[in-house]
Structures are given as structure tokens and as C-alpha cells.
Amino acid sequence: MSPDFVVGIARQAIQVTLLVSLPILGIGLLVGIVVSLVQAATQIQEMTLTFIPKIISIFVGLLLLLPWIMNQLMDFTLEVFSKIPPGAR
């Protein structure tokens, strides 16, 4: 395996990781902003109030996005396995 091959696989792995994690992080960000706006409007500054909505929304997001995430990860894994030269197996 050449260094170019390894760098290409590493680059693709980082891309897949970002692609899979960004929707979940975006959900957490949006819910955090909404909760912060509600806290600012009502002047309720309870620190634990932000965690429960974020945890629930991220859990629901994972449940809804899990088939897509698994499909992305399986496609990447199959592509990596198909690129491995037969002599290296």
C-alpha cells in the first residue's frame, strides 16, 4: 500500500465522520439555541434545563437518522475493503 492510498483512505474517513456527525450536532445546536432564547425571555437561568431537551432531541434524531448513518458507514467500509489490494489480504 502506497502512502497516497493511506492518505486517501484517511481523508475519506474524515469526510464520512463529518457527514455522519453534522446532522446530530446541528440538532443539538438548534435545540440549544431555542432553549437559550426561552431562558433569556423568561429569565429562568437553570443550568440543568438545557440538558434534558438536548438529550431527548439528539436521541430522537439518532433514532430517525440511524438507518442513513449505518448506510453511509457500510458504504464506506465496503469501499475500503474493495480498494485493498488482493496481495495485502
N, C-alpha and C. Protein backbone atom coordinates (compact mmCIF):
# COMPACT_ATOMS: atom_id res chain seq x y z
N MET A 1 0.84 -1.17 0.00
CA MET A 1 0.00 0.00 0.00
C MET A 1 0.88 1.24 0.00
N SER A 2 0.55 2.14 -0.88
CA SER A 2 1.33 3.36 -1.02
C SER A 2 0.85 4.42 -0.01
N PRO A 3 1.69 5.40 0.26
CA PRO A 3 1.27 6.48 1.16
C PRO A 3 0.06 7.26 0.62
N ASP A 4 -0.03 7.38 -0.70
CA ASP A 4 -1.18 8.07 -1.29
C ASP A 4 -2.48 7.33 -0.99
N PHE A 5 -2.42 6.00 -1.03
CA PHE A 5 -3.59 5.18 -0.74
C PHE A 5 -4.05 5.40 0.70
N VAL A 6 -3.10 5.39 1.63
CA VAL A 6 -3.42 5.55 3.05
C VAL A 6 -3.97 6.95 3.32
N VAL A 7 -3.36 7.97 2.72
CA VAL A 7 -3.84 9.34 2.90
C VAL A 7 -5.24 9.50 2.32
N GLY A 8 -5.49 8.88 1.18
CA GLY A 8 -6.83 8.94 0.57
C GLY A 8 -7.88 8.30 1.45
N ILE A 9 -7.55 7.15 2.02
CA ILE A 9 -8.49 6.47 2.91
C ILE A 9 -8.73 7.31 4.17
N ALA A 10 -7.67 7.90 4.72
CA ALA A 10 -7.81 8.74 5.92
C ALA A 10 -8.67 9.97 5.62
N ARG A 11 -8.45 10.58 4.46
CA ARG A 11 -9.25 11.75 4.07
C ARG A 11 -10.72 11.38 3.93
N GLN A 12 -10.97 10.25 3.29
CA GLN A 12 -12.34 9.80 3.10
C GLN A 12 -12.99 9.43 4.44
N ALA A 13 -12.22 8.87 5.36
CA ALA A 13 -12.75 8.53 6.68
C ALA A 13 -13.15 9.79 7.44
N ILE A 14 -12.35 10.84 7.33
CA ILE A 14 -12.69 12.10 7.99
C ILE A 14 -13.95 12.71 7.37
N GLN A 15 -14.07 12.62 6.06
CA GLN A 15 -15.26 13.15 5.39
C GLN A 15 -16.52 12.40 5.83
N VAL A 16 -16.44 11.09 5.89
CA VAL A 16 -17.60 10.30 6.31
C VAL A 16 -17.94 10.60 7.76
N THR A 17 -16.93 10.76 8.61
CA THR A 17 -17.18 11.08 10.01
C THR A 17 -17.91 12.42 10.14
N LEU A 18 -17.45 13.42 9.41
CA LEU A 18 -18.12 14.72 9.44
C LEU A 18 -19.53 14.64 8.88
N LEU A 19 -19.70 13.93 7.78
CA LEU A 19 -21.01 13.79 7.16
C LEU A 19 -22.01 13.13 8.09
N VAL A 20 -21.55 12.15 8.85
CA VAL A 20 -22.44 11.41 9.75
C VAL A 20 -22.73 12.21 11.03
N SER A 21 -21.76 12.96 11.51
CA SER A 21 -21.94 13.63 12.79
C SER A 21 -22.60 15.00 12.67
N LEU A 22 -22.51 15.66 11.54
CA LEU A 22 -23.04 17.01 11.43
C LEU A 22 -24.56 17.11 11.64
N PRO A 23 -25.39 16.20 11.13
CA PRO A 23 -26.83 16.35 11.41
C PRO A 23 -27.17 16.26 12.90
N ILE A 24 -26.52 15.37 13.61
CA ILE A 24 -26.79 15.22 15.04
C ILE A 24 -26.30 16.46 15.80
N LEU A 25 -25.12 16.94 15.45
CA LEU A 25 -24.60 18.15 16.09
C LEU A 25 -25.47 19.36 15.76
N GLY A 26 -26.00 19.42 14.55
CA GLY A 26 -26.90 20.51 14.17
C GLY A 26 -28.18 20.50 14.96
N ILE A 27 -28.72 19.31 15.20
CA ILE A 27 -29.93 19.20 16.02
C ILE A 27 -29.66 19.71 17.43
N GLY A 28 -28.54 19.29 18.01
CA GLY A 28 -28.18 19.76 19.34
C GLY A 28 -27.98 21.27 19.38
N LEU A 29 -27.38 21.83 18.33
CA LEU A 29 -27.16 23.27 18.27
C LEU A 29 -28.48 24.03 18.19
N LEU A 30 -29.38 23.58 17.32
CA LEU A 30 -30.66 24.27 17.17
C LEU A 30 -31.49 24.21 18.45
N VAL A 31 -31.54 23.05 19.08
CA VAL A 31 -32.30 22.93 20.33
C VAL A 31 -31.65 23.78 21.42
N GLY A 32 -30.33 23.83 21.47
CA GLY A 32 -29.65 24.66 22.45
C GLY A 32 -29.95 26.13 22.27
N ILE A 33 -30.01 26.59 21.02
CA ILE A 33 -30.32 28.00 20.75
C ILE A 33 -31.76 28.31 21.16
N VAL A 34 -32.68 27.42 20.82
CA VAL A 34 -34.09 27.64 21.18
C VAL A 34 -34.24 27.69 22.70
N VAL A 35 -33.63 26.76 23.40
CA VAL A 35 -33.73 26.74 24.86
C VAL A 35 -33.09 27.99 25.45
N SER A 36 -31.98 28.44 24.90
CA SER A 36 -31.33 29.66 25.38
C SER A 36 -32.21 30.88 25.18
N LEU A 37 -32.90 30.94 24.03
CA LEU A 37 -33.81 32.06 23.79
C LEU A 37 -34.97 32.04 24.78
N VAL A 38 -35.50 30.86 25.05
CA VAL A 38 -36.60 30.74 26.03
C VAL A 38 -36.10 31.14 27.41
N GLN A 39 -34.91 30.72 27.77
CA GLN A 39 -34.35 31.09 29.07
C GLN A 39 -34.13 32.59 29.17
N ALA A 40 -33.66 33.19 28.10
CA ALA A 40 -33.44 34.64 28.12
C ALA A 40 -34.75 35.40 28.20
N ALA A 41 -35.78 34.90 27.52
CA ALA A 41 -37.08 35.58 27.53
C ALA A 41 -37.77 35.46 28.88
N THR A 42 -37.63 34.32 29.51
CA THR A 42 -38.31 34.09 30.79
C THR A 42 -37.42 34.36 31.98
N GLN A 43 -36.17 34.62 31.76
CA GLN A 43 -35.17 34.87 32.80
C GLN A 43 -35.05 33.71 33.78
N ILE A 44 -35.28 32.51 33.29
CA ILE A 44 -35.03 31.31 34.08
C ILE A 44 -33.63 30.84 33.72
N GLN A 45 -32.73 30.86 34.66
CA GLN A 45 -31.33 30.54 34.38
C GLN A 45 -30.92 29.23 35.04
N GLU A 46 -31.72 28.21 34.90
CA GLU A 46 -31.40 26.90 35.46
C GLU A 46 -30.48 26.16 34.49
N MET A 47 -29.33 25.74 34.96
CA MET A 47 -28.34 25.10 34.08
C MET A 47 -28.81 23.73 33.59
N THR A 48 -29.55 23.02 34.41
CA THR A 48 -29.97 21.67 34.01
C THR A 48 -31.10 21.71 32.99
N LEU A 49 -31.74 22.84 32.83
CA LEU A 49 -32.86 22.95 31.88
C LEU A 49 -32.40 22.75 30.44
N THR A 50 -31.16 23.05 30.14
CA THR A 50 -30.69 22.92 28.76
C THR A 50 -30.36 21.48 28.39
N PHE A 51 -30.03 20.66 29.36
CA PHE A 51 -29.57 19.30 29.05
C PHE A 51 -30.69 18.37 28.62
N ILE A 52 -31.82 18.41 29.29
CA ILE A 52 -32.89 17.45 29.01
C ILE A 52 -33.43 17.61 27.59
N PRO A 53 -33.77 18.81 27.12
CA PRO A 53 -34.23 18.92 25.73
C PRO A 53 -33.18 18.50 24.71
N LYS A 54 -31.91 18.83 24.99
CA LYS A 54 -30.85 18.43 24.06
C LYS A 54 -30.71 16.91 24.01
N ILE A 55 -30.72 16.27 25.16
CA ILE A 55 -30.57 14.81 25.19
C ILE A 55 -31.73 14.15 24.48
N ILE A 56 -32.94 14.60 24.73
CA ILE A 56 -34.11 13.99 24.09
C ILE A 56 -34.08 14.22 22.59
N SER A 57 -33.77 15.45 22.15
CA SER A 57 -33.76 15.73 20.72
C SER A 57 -32.65 14.97 20.00
N ILE A 58 -31.49 14.85 20.61
CA ILE A 58 -30.40 14.09 19.99
C ILE A 58 -30.76 12.61 19.93
N PHE A 59 -31.40 12.09 20.96
CA PHE A 59 -31.82 10.69 20.95
C PHE A 59 -32.84 10.44 19.84
N VAL A 60 -33.82 11.33 19.71
CA VAL A 60 -34.82 11.18 18.65
C VAL A 60 -34.16 11.32 17.27
N GLY A 61 -33.24 12.27 17.15
CA GLY A 61 -32.51 12.43 15.89
C GLY A 61 -31.72 11.19 15.52
N LEU A 62 -31.07 10.59 16.51
CA LEU A 62 -30.34 9.34 16.25
C LEU A 62 -31.28 8.23 15.83
N LEU A 63 -32.43 8.13 16.47
CA LEU A 63 -33.38 7.09 16.07
C LEU A 63 -33.85 7.27 14.64
N LEU A 64 -34.08 8.52 14.25
CA LEU A 64 -34.57 8.78 12.90
C LEU A 64 -33.46 8.66 11.85
N LEU A 65 -32.24 9.04 12.21
CA LEU A 65 -31.15 9.06 11.24
C LEU A 65 -30.29 7.79 11.26
N LEU A 66 -30.56 6.88 12.18
CA LEU A 66 -29.72 5.69 12.29
C LEU A 66 -29.65 4.86 11.00
N PRO A 67 -30.76 4.63 10.29
CA PRO A 67 -30.62 3.87 9.03
C PRO A 67 -29.70 4.57 8.02
N TRP A 68 -29.81 5.88 7.90
CA TRP A 68 -28.95 6.62 6.98
C TRP A 68 -27.49 6.56 7.42
N ILE A 69 -27.25 6.72 8.72
CA ILE A 69 -25.89 6.67 9.25
C ILE A 69 -25.28 5.30 8.98
N MET A 70 -26.02 4.25 9.26
CA MET A 70 -25.49 2.90 9.03
C MET A 70 -25.22 2.65 7.55
N ASN A 71 -26.08 3.17 6.68
CA ASN A 71 -25.87 3.02 5.24
C ASN A 71 -24.57 3.72 4.82
N GLN A 72 -24.33 4.92 5.33
CA GLN A 72 -23.10 5.65 5.00
C GLN A 72 -21.87 4.89 5.48
N LEU A 73 -21.92 4.38 6.70
CA LEU A 73 -20.78 3.66 7.25
C LEU A 73 -20.54 2.33 6.53
N MET A 74 -21.62 1.64 6.16
CA MET A 74 -21.46 0.38 5.43
C MET A 74 -20.88 0.63 4.03
N ASP A 75 -21.35 1.68 3.36
CA ASP A 75 -20.81 2.01 2.04
C ASP A 75 -19.32 2.32 2.12
N PHE A 76 -18.93 3.09 3.14
CA PHE A 76 -17.51 3.42 3.31
C PHE A 76 -16.69 2.16 3.59
N THR A 77 -17.18 1.31 4.46
CA THR A 77 -16.46 0.08 4.80
C THR A 77 -16.30 -0.82 3.58
N LEU A 78 -17.36 -1.00 2.82
CA LEU A 78 -17.28 -1.83 1.61
C LEU A 78 -16.33 -1.23 0.58
N GLU A 79 -16.32 0.09 0.48
CA GLU A 79 -15.40 0.73 -0.46
C GLU A 79 -13.95 0.54 -0.03
N VAL A 80 -13.69 0.66 1.26
CA VAL A 80 -12.32 0.45 1.76
C VAL A 80 -11.88 -0.99 1.51
N PHE A 81 -12.76 -1.94 1.83
CA PHE A 81 -12.41 -3.35 1.61
C PHE A 81 -12.20 -3.68 0.15
N SER A 82 -12.95 -3.02 -0.73
CA SER A 82 -12.78 -3.31 -2.16
C SER A 82 -11.50 -2.68 -2.71
N LYS A 83 -11.00 -1.63 -2.07
CA LYS A 83 -9.77 -0.98 -2.54
C LYS A 83 -8.50 -1.66 -2.04
N ILE A 84 -8.63 -2.52 -1.05
CA ILE A 84 -7.44 -3.19 -0.53
C ILE A 84 -6.93 -4.16 -1.61
N PRO A 85 -5.67 -4.09 -1.94
CA PRO A 85 -5.14 -4.98 -2.96
C PRO A 85 -5.23 -6.45 -2.51
N PRO A 86 -5.45 -7.36 -3.46
CA PRO A 86 -5.59 -8.78 -3.09
C PRO A 86 -4.34 -9.34 -2.39
N GLY A 87 -3.18 -8.83 -2.66
CA GLY A 87 -1.97 -9.33 -2.02
C GLY A 87 -1.85 -8.94 -0.56
N ALA A 88 -2.56 -7.88 -0.17
CA ALA A 88 -2.48 -7.41 1.21
C ALA A 88 -3.47 -8.11 2.13
N ARG A 89 -4.38 -8.87 1.56
CA ARG A 89 -5.39 -9.54 2.37
C ARG A 89 -4.82 -10.71 3.00
